[in-house]
Amino acid sequence: MRRTILIAVLGMALMAPASAFAKTTTASASAGGVTATLSYKDGPGIDTKDERLTISQNGKVVYDQPVPAKGCFKACSPDDKRPVHVTDLYGDGSEDVVLDLFSGGADCCTIEQVYVPSAAVNSYVLTERNFGEAGAVLKDIGPKGRPVFVSANGVFYCQFTDCAASGLPLQIFEFSGEKFVDVTKQYPKLMAADASMWLKLYYKDPKQGLGFIAPWAADDYNDGLAGTARTVLALQAEVHHLKVSFVDGLERFLTKHGY
C-alpha cells in the first residue's frame, strides 16, 4: 500500500508544471513611505520569469503589475546586486521607483525602467530607456543631490574599430517631464575627466587607438573645446597616427550626432 501511494505521489510530481518548483526571489527598497518590491521566479538571467513589481504608499498597495519585457528575450532580468531603487528623481519630495534590468545576450542591453506617481491614474506610470552596451548607474550628483543616470553614448560602439576596443563618451541623463533628458553639458568636470582618460589610452598606442580618440573628441566637443580637438586631430594626422579620411569621417559623425 505504501509503495502504491509513493508511486502515485511521484507520478503527480512528474506531471506538475516546472513553475510549481521555481524559486521565487524578491528584492525591495523603501523611502519616504514608499516601498517597491520586485519578485520573480528563477533567474536572474535569461531564465527569469513571472517578474512582477508591487509599489505601496504608507502600507497601501497602489501598483501591482507584471514587469514589461519589451526588447528582452522572455523577461528583462533584474540586476543581481540591487535591482530596485526608491528615490526622488524630480527633486520635489515625491518618491519614484527605478528598476535596473538587463535584456540578455552577449552584446546587450541595460534597461532602466522608471515608475513615477500620477494623480491622474492614482497609481504609477512607466517610462523606460534602453541604455544598450553603455549601461547606466544612478548617482546622487545632480543639483541638491538630485539623482541622475550616468551613462555613455552607445552610438560609438563598433563604429571606429572592433567592438571590444570601442570607447564610449560620457552621457548623463536626468529624469524630467516623464522622460530622460541629456544634461551632460552641465557636468564639465566629469566630461574633462572622461576625455583625459580616453586621451591617455590613445597615446599608449596611437595606431591602435581609434576607439579611444573618438570618444575623447566627443567629450571635448561637448565641453566647448571643438577647436582644441580639431587641432589635436590634425596634428595626429600630420604624424600619420591618424588618416585624414578618419579625421574627416569622425567630424561628420560628431556633427550628425549633435556634438
C-alpha atoms as a PDB file:
ATOM      1  CA  MET A   1       0.000   0.000   0.000  1.00  0.00           C
ATOM      2  CA  ARG A   2       2.792   2.408   0.960  1.00  0.00           C
ATOM      3  CA  ARG A   3       4.590   1.597  -2.288  1.00  0.00           C
ATOM      4  CA  THR A   4       1.429   2.357  -4.264  1.00  0.00           C
ATOM      5  CA  ILE A   5       0.999   5.726  -2.511  1.00  0.00           C
ATOM      6  CA  LEU A   6       4.673   6.606  -3.094  1.00  0.00           C
ATOM      7  CA  ILE A   7       4.425   5.809  -6.802  1.00  0.00           C
ATOM      8  CA  ALA A   8       1.270   7.930  -7.063  1.00  0.00           C
ATOM      9  CA  VAL A   9       2.941  10.869  -5.324  1.00  0.00           C
ATOM     10  CA  LEU A  10       5.980  10.643  -7.594  1.00  0.00           C
ATOM     11  CA  GLY A  11       3.728  10.485 -10.627  1.00  0.00           C
ATOM     12  CA  MET A  12       1.908  13.645  -9.559  1.00  0.00           C
ATOM     13  CA  ALA A  13       5.229  15.404  -9.025  1.00  0.00           C
ATOM     14  CA  LEU A  14       6.396  14.493 -12.515  1.00  0.00           C
ATOM     15  CA  MET A  15       3.171  15.807 -14.028  1.00  0.00           C
ATOM     16  CA  ALA A  16       3.321  19.103 -12.110  1.00  0.00           C
ATOM     17  CA  PRO A  17       4.405  22.118 -14.189  1.00  0.00           C
ATOM     18  CA  ALA A  18       8.004  23.257 -13.757  1.00  0.00           C
ATOM     19  CA  SER A  19       6.777  26.631 -12.491  1.00  0.00           C
ATOM     20  CA  ALA A  20       5.454  24.893  -9.394  1.00  0.00           C
ATOM     21  CA  PHE A  21       9.038  24.228  -8.296  1.00  0.00           C
ATOM     22  CA  ALA A  22      10.561  27.506  -9.499  1.00  0.00           C
ATOM     23  CA  LYS A  23      12.485  29.506  -6.924  1.00  0.00           C
ATOM     24  CA  THR A  24      10.909  32.856  -6.076  1.00  0.00           C
ATOM     25  CA  THR A  25      13.211  35.781  -5.305  1.00  0.00           C
ATOM     26  CA  THR A  26      12.241  39.218  -4.032  1.00  0.00           C
ATOM     27  CA  ALA A  27      14.127  42.499  -3.807  1.00  0.00           C
ATOM     28  CA  SER A  28      12.785  45.595  -2.071  1.00  0.00           C
ATOM     29  CA  ALA A  29      13.642  49.227  -1.420  1.00  0.00           C
ATOM     30  CA  SER A  30      11.900  51.848   0.715  1.00  0.00           C
ATOM     31  CA  ALA A  31      11.995  55.612   1.243  1.00  0.00           C
ATOM     32  CA  GLY A  32       9.555  58.307   2.274  1.00  0.00           C
ATOM     33  CA  GLY A  33       6.714  55.904   2.988  1.00  0.00           C
ATOM     34  CA  VAL A  34       7.072  54.186  -0.402  1.00  0.00           C
ATOM     35  CA  THR A  35       8.093  50.545  -0.679  1.00  0.00           C
ATOM     36  CA  ALA A  36       8.796  48.829  -4.006  1.00  0.00           C
ATOM     37  CA  THR A  37       9.138  45.052  -4.230  1.00  0.00           C
ATOM     38  CA  LEU A  38      10.284  43.153  -7.291  1.00  0.00           C
ATOM     39  CA  SER A  39       9.511  39.442  -7.349  1.00  0.00           C
ATOM     40  CA  TYR A  40      10.469  36.857  -9.948  1.00  0.00           C
ATOM     41  CA  LYS A  41      10.952  33.133 -10.394  1.00  0.00           C
ATOM     42  CA  ASP A  42      14.265  31.519 -11.283  1.00  0.00           C
ATOM     43  CA  GLY A  43      16.886  33.895 -12.690  1.00  0.00           C
ATOM     44  CA  PRO A  44      18.387  36.360 -12.583  1.00  0.00           C
ATOM     45  CA  GLY A  45      19.280  35.728 -16.208  1.00  0.00           C
ATOM     46  CA  ILE A  46      17.532  34.536 -19.351  1.00  0.00           C
ATOM     47  CA  ASP A  47      15.511  32.013 -17.333  1.00  0.00           C
ATOM     48  CA  THR A  48      13.809  34.771 -15.303  1.00  0.00           C
ATOM     49  CA  LYS A  49      10.031  34.528 -15.394  1.00  0.00           C
ATOM     50  CA  ASP A  50       6.869  35.742 -13.661  1.00  0.00           C
ATOM     51  CA  GLU A  51       8.504  39.089 -12.923  1.00  0.00           C
ATOM     52  CA  ARG A  52       6.252  41.480 -11.025  1.00  0.00           C
ATOM     53  CA  LEU A  53       6.532  44.893  -9.361  1.00  0.00           C
ATOM     54  CA  THR A  54       4.462  45.962  -6.365  1.00  0.00           C
ATOM     55  CA  ILE A  55       4.528  49.534  -5.015  1.00  0.00           C
ATOM     56  CA  SER A  56       2.978  50.560  -1.706  1.00  0.00           C
ATOM     57  CA  GLN A  57       2.428  54.003  -0.232  1.00  0.00           C
ATOM     58  CA  ASN A  58       2.233  54.040   3.567  1.00  0.00           C
ATOM     59  CA  GLY A  59       1.328  50.359   3.543  1.00  0.00           C
ATOM     60  CA  LYS A  60      -1.344  50.590   0.839  1.00  0.00           C
ATOM     61  CA  VAL A  61      -0.684  48.840  -2.480  1.00  0.00           C
ATOM     62  CA  VAL A  62      -1.102  51.334  -5.328  1.00  0.00           C
ATOM     63  CA  TYR A  63       0.657  49.431  -8.128  1.00  0.00           C
ATOM     64  CA  ASP A  64       0.851  45.692  -8.753  1.00  0.00           C
ATOM     65  CA  GLN A  65       1.695  44.678 -12.321  1.00  0.00           C
ATOM     66  CA  PRO A  66       3.937  42.321 -14.324  1.00  0.00           C
ATOM     67  CA  VAL A  67       7.209  43.938 -15.413  1.00  0.00           C
ATOM     68  CA  PRO A  68       7.079  44.635 -19.174  1.00  0.00           C
ATOM     69  CA  ALA A  69       9.621  42.741 -21.248  1.00  0.00           C
ATOM     70  CA  LYS A  70       9.868  44.946 -24.344  1.00  0.00           C
ATOM     71  CA  GLY A  71      13.184  44.314 -26.103  1.00  0.00           C
ATOM     72  CA  CYS A  72      14.043  41.358 -23.878  1.00  0.00           C
ATOM     73  CA  PHE A  73      14.183  37.601 -24.505  1.00  0.00           C
ATOM     74  CA  LYS A  74      11.323  36.460 -22.285  1.00  0.00           C
ATOM     75  CA  ALA A  75      11.804  38.724 -19.295  1.00  0.00           C
ATOM     76  CA  CYS A  76      14.092  41.627 -18.522  1.00  0.00           C
ATOM     77  CA  SER A  77      16.417  40.076 -15.987  1.00  0.00           C
ATOM     78  CA  PRO A  78      16.922  42.073 -12.788  1.00  0.00           C
ATOM     79  CA  ASP A  79      20.386  43.204 -11.824  1.00  0.00           C
ATOM     80  CA  ASP A  80      21.735  40.603  -9.404  1.00  0.00           C
ATOM     81  CA  LYS A  81      23.016  43.172  -6.881  1.00  0.00           C
ATOM     82  CA  ARG A  82      20.494  45.955  -6.330  1.00  0.00           C
ATOM     83  CA  PRO A  83      17.716  45.957  -8.942  1.00  0.00           C
ATOM     84  CA  VAL A  84      15.227  48.203  -7.091  1.00  0.00           C
ATOM     85  CA  HIS A  85      15.600  51.864  -6.116  1.00  0.00           C
ATOM     86  CA  VAL A  86      13.163  54.212  -4.410  1.00  0.00           C
ATOM     87  CA  THR A  87      14.421  57.750  -4.947  1.00  0.00           C
ATOM     88  CA  ASP A  88      13.321  61.320  -5.630  1.00  0.00           C
ATOM     89  CA  LEU A  89      14.178  61.710  -9.324  1.00  0.00           C
ATOM     90  CA  TYR A  90      12.427  65.078  -9.694  1.00  0.00           C
ATOM     91  CA  GLY A  91      13.766  66.586  -6.509  1.00  0.00           C
ATOM     92  CA  ASP A  92      10.230  67.521  -5.498  1.00  0.00           C
ATOM     93  CA  GLY A  93       9.900  65.357  -2.393  1.00  0.00           C
ATOM     94  CA  SER A  94       7.907  62.630  -4.163  1.00  0.00           C
ATOM     95  CA  GLU A  95       9.471  59.167  -4.258  1.00  0.00           C
ATOM     96  CA  ASP A  96       9.862  57.373  -7.581  1.00  0.00           C
ATOM     97  CA  VAL A  97      10.830  53.782  -8.371  1.00  0.00           C
ATOM     98  CA  VAL A  98      13.660  52.659 -10.646  1.00  0.00           C
ATOM     99  CA  LEU A  99      14.371  49.108 -11.835  1.00  0.00           C
ATOM    100  CA  ASP A 100      17.805  48.084 -13.163  1.00  0.00           C
ATOM    101  CA  LEU A 101      17.213  45.392 -15.785  1.00  0.00           C
ATOM    102  CA  PHE A 102      19.163  43.500 -18.459  1.00  0.00           C
ATOM    103  CA  SER A 103      17.812  42.221 -21.771  1.00  0.00           C
ATOM    104  CA  GLY A 104      20.167  39.231 -22.013  1.00  0.00           C
ATOM    105  CA  GLY A 105      22.637  38.312 -24.733  1.00  0.00           C
ATOM    106  CA  ALA A 106      26.358  38.798 -25.253  1.00  0.00           C
ATOM    107  CA  ASP A 107      26.139  42.340 -26.624  1.00  0.00           C
ATOM    108  CA  CYS A 108      23.098  43.900 -24.968  1.00  0.00           C
ATOM    109  CA  CYS A 109      21.492  45.688 -23.150  1.00  0.00           C
ATOM    110  CA  THR A 110      20.876  47.612 -19.917  1.00  0.00           C
ATOM    111  CA  ILE A 111      17.313  48.850 -19.465  1.00  0.00           C
ATOM    112  CA  GLU A 112      16.241  51.398 -16.868  1.00  0.00           C
ATOM    113  CA  GLN A 113      12.545  51.435 -16.001  1.00  0.00           C
ATOM    114  CA  VAL A 114      11.231  54.460 -14.126  1.00  0.00           C
ATOM    115  CA  TYR A 115       7.881  54.452 -12.336  1.00  0.00           C
ATOM    116  CA  VAL A 116       6.576  57.850 -11.204  1.00  0.00           C
ATOM    117  CA  PRO A 117       3.375  58.596  -9.259  1.00  0.00           C
ATOM    118  CA  SER A 118       0.499  60.007 -11.296  1.00  0.00           C
ATOM    119  CA  ALA A 119      -2.513  61.676  -9.718  1.00  0.00           C
ATOM    120  CA  ALA A 120      -4.418  61.172 -12.982  1.00  0.00           C
ATOM    121  CA  VAL A 121      -4.463  57.387 -12.568  1.00  0.00           C
ATOM    122  CA  ASN A 122      -3.926  57.301  -8.788  1.00  0.00           C
ATOM    123  CA  SER A 123      -1.015  54.940  -9.385  1.00  0.00           C
ATOM    124  CA  TYR A 124       2.377  54.882 -11.093  1.00  0.00           C
ATOM    125  CA  VAL A 125       3.216  55.323 -14.784  1.00  0.00           C
ATOM    126  CA  LEU A 126       6.179  53.718 -16.534  1.00  0.00           C
ATOM    127  CA  THR A 127       8.877  55.203 -18.755  1.00  0.00           C
ATOM    128  CA  GLU A 128      11.902  53.189 -19.845  1.00  0.00           C
ATOM    129  CA  ARG A 129      15.146  53.667 -21.745  1.00  0.00           C
ATOM    130  CA  ASN A 130      17.435  51.076 -23.278  1.00  0.00           C
ATOM    131  CA  PHE A 131      20.990  52.188 -22.485  1.00  0.00           C
ATOM    132  CA  GLY A 132      22.486  49.439 -24.644  1.00  0.00           C
ATOM    133  CA  GLU A 133      26.067  48.369 -24.038  1.00  0.00           C
ATOM    134  CA  ALA A 134      26.868  51.523 -22.091  1.00  0.00           C
ATOM    135  CA  GLY A 135      24.605  50.757 -19.166  1.00  0.00           C
ATOM    136  CA  ALA A 136      23.666  53.367 -16.588  1.00  0.00           C
ATOM    137  CA  VAL A 137      24.354  53.996 -12.916  1.00  0.00           C
ATOM    138  CA  LEU A 138      22.064  56.065 -10.701  1.00  0.00           C
ATOM    139  CA  LYS A 139      24.159  58.634  -8.817  1.00  0.00           C
ATOM    140  CA  ASP A 140      23.145  61.473  -6.492  1.00  0.00           C
ATOM    141  CA  ILE A 141      25.307  64.115  -8.189  1.00  0.00           C
ATOM    142  CA  GLY A 142      22.632  66.422  -9.585  1.00  0.00           C
ATOM    143  CA  PRO A 143      21.675  69.819  -8.127  1.00  0.00           C
ATOM    144  CA  LYS A 144      20.957  69.484  -4.384  1.00  0.00           C
ATOM    145  CA  GLY A 145      21.837  65.788  -4.614  1.00  0.00           C
ATOM    146  CA  ARG A 146      19.232  65.010  -7.245  1.00  0.00           C
ATOM    147  CA  PRO A 147      19.793  61.530  -8.730  1.00  0.00           C
ATOM    148  CA  VAL A 148      20.910  61.300 -12.364  1.00  0.00           C
ATOM    149  CA  PHE A 149      21.699  58.422 -14.703  1.00  0.00           C
ATOM    150  CA  VAL A 150      25.416  58.326 -15.542  1.00  0.00           C
ATOM    151  CA  SER A 151      25.985  56.511 -18.816  1.00  0.00           C
ATOM    152  CA  ALA A 152      27.838  56.766 -22.138  1.00  0.00           C
ATOM    153  CA  ASN A 153      26.869  57.238 -25.767  1.00  0.00           C
ATOM    154  CA  GLY A 154      26.320  53.837 -27.340  1.00  0.00           C
ATOM    155  CA  VAL A 155      26.324  55.139 -30.936  1.00  0.00           C
ATOM    156  CA  PHE A 156      30.128  54.954 -30.803  1.00  0.00           C
ATOM    157  CA  TYR A 157      30.039  51.211 -30.174  1.00  0.00           C
ATOM    158  CA  CYS A 158      31.750  49.292 -33.035  1.00  0.00           C
ATOM    159  CA  GLN A 159      31.893  52.450 -35.201  1.00  0.00           C
ATOM    160  CA  PHE A 160      35.625  53.172 -35.476  1.00  0.00           C
ATOM    161  CA  THR A 161      37.274  49.877 -34.524  1.00  0.00           C
ATOM    162  CA  ASP A 162      36.305  46.436 -33.285  1.00  0.00           C
ATOM    163  CA  CYS A 163      33.539  46.367 -30.705  1.00  0.00           C
ATOM    164  CA  ALA A 164      35.710  45.278 -27.783  1.00  0.00           C
ATOM    165  CA  ALA A 165      38.038  48.281 -28.253  1.00  0.00           C
ATOM    166  CA  SER A 166      35.277  50.863 -28.684  1.00  0.00           C
ATOM    167  CA  GLY A 167      35.306  53.637 -26.131  1.00  0.00           C
ATOM    168  CA  LEU A 168      32.071  55.481 -25.391  1.00  0.00           C
ATOM    169  CA  PRO A 169      31.944  59.171 -24.403  1.00  0.00           C
ATOM    170  CA  LEU A 170      30.204  60.284 -21.235  1.00  0.00           C
ATOM    171  CA  GLN A 171      26.454  60.865 -21.208  1.00  0.00           C
ATOM    172  CA  ILE A 172      24.386  61.939 -18.212  1.00  0.00           C
ATOM    173  CA  PHE A 173      20.591  61.972 -18.076  1.00  0.00           C
ATOM    174  CA  GLU A 174      18.173  63.413 -15.586  1.00  0.00           C
ATOM    175  CA  PHE A 175      14.554  62.316 -15.491  1.00  0.00           C
ATOM    176  CA  SER A 176      12.221  65.227 -16.145  1.00  0.00           C
ATOM    177  CA  GLY A 177       8.724  65.517 -17.602  1.00  0.00           C
ATOM    178  CA  GLU A 178       8.406  61.724 -17.620  1.00  0.00           C
ATOM    179  CA  LYS A 179      11.365  61.361 -19.985  1.00  0.00           C
ATOM    180  CA  PHE A 180      15.137  61.004 -19.916  1.00  0.00           C
ATOM    181  CA  VAL A 181      16.845  64.328 -20.691  1.00  0.00           C
ATOM    182  CA  ASP A 182      20.514  64.602 -21.726  1.00  0.00           C
ATOM    183  CA  VAL A 183      22.219  67.010 -19.306  1.00  0.00           C
ATOM    184  CA  THR A 184      25.830  66.006 -19.966  1.00  0.00           C
ATOM    185  CA  LYS A 185      26.941  69.579 -20.697  1.00  0.00           C
ATOM    186  CA  GLN A 186      26.029  70.555 -17.144  1.00  0.00           C
ATOM    187  CA  TYR A 187      28.932  68.416 -15.869  1.00  0.00           C
ATOM    188  CA  PRO A 188      32.130  69.887 -17.400  1.00  0.00           C
ATOM    189  CA  LYS A 189      34.429  68.406 -14.751  1.00  0.00           C
ATOM    190  CA  LEU A 190      33.161  64.895 -15.425  1.00  0.00           C
ATOM    191  CA  MET A 191      33.489  65.411 -19.183  1.00  0.00           C
ATOM    192  CA  ALA A 192      37.057  66.661 -18.744  1.00  0.00           C
ATOM    193  CA  ALA A 193      37.945  63.634 -16.612  1.00  0.00           C
ATOM    194  CA  ASP A 194      36.386  61.280 -19.152  1.00  0.00           C
ATOM    195  CA  ALA A 195      38.230  62.981 -22.025  1.00  0.00           C
ATOM    196  CA  SER A 196      41.530  62.764 -20.167  1.00  0.00           C
ATOM    197  CA  MET A 197      41.068  59.038 -19.624  1.00  0.00           C
ATOM    198  CA  TRP A 198      40.419  58.360 -23.319  1.00  0.00           C
ATOM    199  CA  LEU A 199      43.337  60.522 -24.489  1.00  0.00           C
ATOM    200  CA  LYS A 200      45.757  58.703 -22.173  1.00  0.00           C
ATOM    201  CA  LEU A 201      44.600  55.375 -23.562  1.00  0.00           C
ATOM    202  CA  TYR A 202      45.012  56.663 -27.109  1.00  0.00           C
ATOM    203  CA  TYR A 203      48.592  57.857 -26.559  1.00  0.00           C
ATOM    204  CA  LYS A 204      49.617  54.470 -25.215  1.00  0.00           C
ATOM    205  CA  ASP A 205      49.329  53.129 -28.765  1.00  0.00           C
ATOM    206  CA  PRO A 206      48.013  55.720 -31.251  1.00  0.00           C
ATOM    207  CA  LYS A 207      47.887  53.362 -34.216  1.00  0.00           C
ATOM    208  CA  GLN A 208      45.564  51.052 -32.273  1.00  0.00           C
ATOM    209  CA  GLY A 209      43.646  53.817 -30.564  1.00  0.00           C
ATOM    210  CA  LEU A 210      40.871  54.766 -32.968  1.00  0.00           C
ATOM    211  CA  GLY A 211      38.307  53.553 -30.461  1.00  0.00           C
ATOM    212  CA  PHE A 212      39.770  55.921 -27.829  1.00  0.00           C
ATOM    213  CA  ILE A 213      40.412  59.110 -29.802  1.00  0.00           C
ATOM    214  CA  ALA A 214      36.787  59.172 -30.981  1.00  0.00           C
ATOM    215  CA  PRO A 215      35.165  59.401 -27.506  1.00  0.00           C
ATOM    216  CA  TRP A 216      37.872  61.860 -26.438  1.00  0.00           C
ATOM    217  CA  ALA A 217      36.924  64.150 -29.325  1.00  0.00           C
ATOM    218  CA  ALA A 218      33.239  63.783 -28.457  1.00  0.00           C
ATOM    219  CA  ASP A 219      33.863  64.766 -24.831  1.00  0.00           C
ATOM    220  CA  ASP A 220      35.876  67.814 -25.910  1.00  0.00           C
ATOM    221  CA  TYR A 221      33.272  68.876 -28.470  1.00  0.00           C
ATOM    222  CA  ASN A 222      30.570  68.562 -25.820  1.00  0.00           C
ATOM    223  CA  ASP A 223      32.687  70.596 -23.408  1.00  0.00           C
ATOM    224  CA  GLY A 224      33.034  73.509 -25.845  1.00  0.00           C
ATOM    225  CA  LEU A 225      36.561  72.550 -26.913  1.00  0.00           C
ATOM    226  CA  ALA A 226      35.903  71.637 -30.539  1.00  0.00           C
ATOM    227  CA  GLY A 227      38.719  73.929 -31.743  1.00  0.00           C
ATOM    228  CA  THR A 228      41.250  72.230 -29.500  1.00  0.00           C
ATOM    229  CA  ALA A 229      40.028  68.806 -30.591  1.00  0.00           C
ATOM    230  CA  ARG A 230      40.369  69.693 -34.283  1.00  0.00           C
ATOM    231  CA  THR A 231      43.933  70.909 -33.716  1.00  0.00           C
ATOM    232  CA  VAL A 232      44.947  67.691 -31.951  1.00  0.00           C
ATOM    233  CA  LEU A 233      43.292  65.536 -34.619  1.00  0.00           C
ATOM    234  CA  ALA A 234      45.052  67.468 -37.392  1.00  0.00           C
ATOM    235  CA  LEU A 235      48.443  67.065 -35.673  1.00  0.00           C
ATOM    236  CA  GLN A 236      47.863  63.333 -35.268  1.00  0.00           C
ATOM    237  CA  ALA A 237      47.085  63.122 -38.986  1.00  0.00           C
ATOM    238  CA  GLU A 238      50.296  65.032 -39.806  1.00  0.00           C
ATOM    239  CA  VAL A 239      52.413  62.471 -37.956  1.00  0.00           C
ATOM    240  CA  HIS A 240      50.440  59.661 -39.648  1.00  0.00           C
ATOM    241  CA  HIS A 241      48.903  58.286 -36.489  1.00  0.00           C
ATOM    242  CA  LEU A 242      45.523  59.032 -37.987  1.00  0.00           C
ATOM    243  CA  LYS A 243      44.341  59.066 -41.573  1.00  0.00           C
ATOM    244  CA  VAL A 244      42.867  62.280 -42.913  1.00  0.00           C
ATOM    245  CA  SER A 245      39.853  60.260 -44.032  1.00  0.00           C
ATOM    246  CA  PHE A 246      39.347  59.086 -40.434  1.00  0.00           C
ATOM    247  CA  VAL A 247      39.510  62.641 -39.089  1.00  0.00           C
ATOM    248  CA  ASP A 248      37.030  63.870 -41.701  1.00  0.00           C
ATOM    249  CA  GLY A 249      34.712  60.936 -41.025  1.00  0.00           C
ATOM    250  CA  LEU A 250      34.889  61.473 -37.274  1.00  0.00           C
ATOM    251  CA  GLU A 251      33.951  65.153 -37.619  1.00  0.00           C
ATOM    252  CA  ARG A 252      30.977  64.252 -39.822  1.00  0.00           C
ATOM    253  CA  PHE A 253      29.934  61.603 -37.281  1.00  0.00           C
ATOM    254  CA  LEU A 254      30.163  64.058 -34.381  1.00  0.00           C
ATOM    255  CA  THR A 255      28.106  66.632 -36.254  1.00  0.00           C
ATOM    256  CA  LYS A 256      25.497  64.067 -37.178  1.00  0.00           C
ATOM    257  CA  HIS A 257      25.066  63.072 -33.537  1.00  0.00           C
ATOM    258  CA  GLY A 258      24.823  66.566 -32.139  1.00  0.00           C
ATOM    259  CA  TYR A 259      28.369  67.242 -30.916  1.00  0.00           C
END
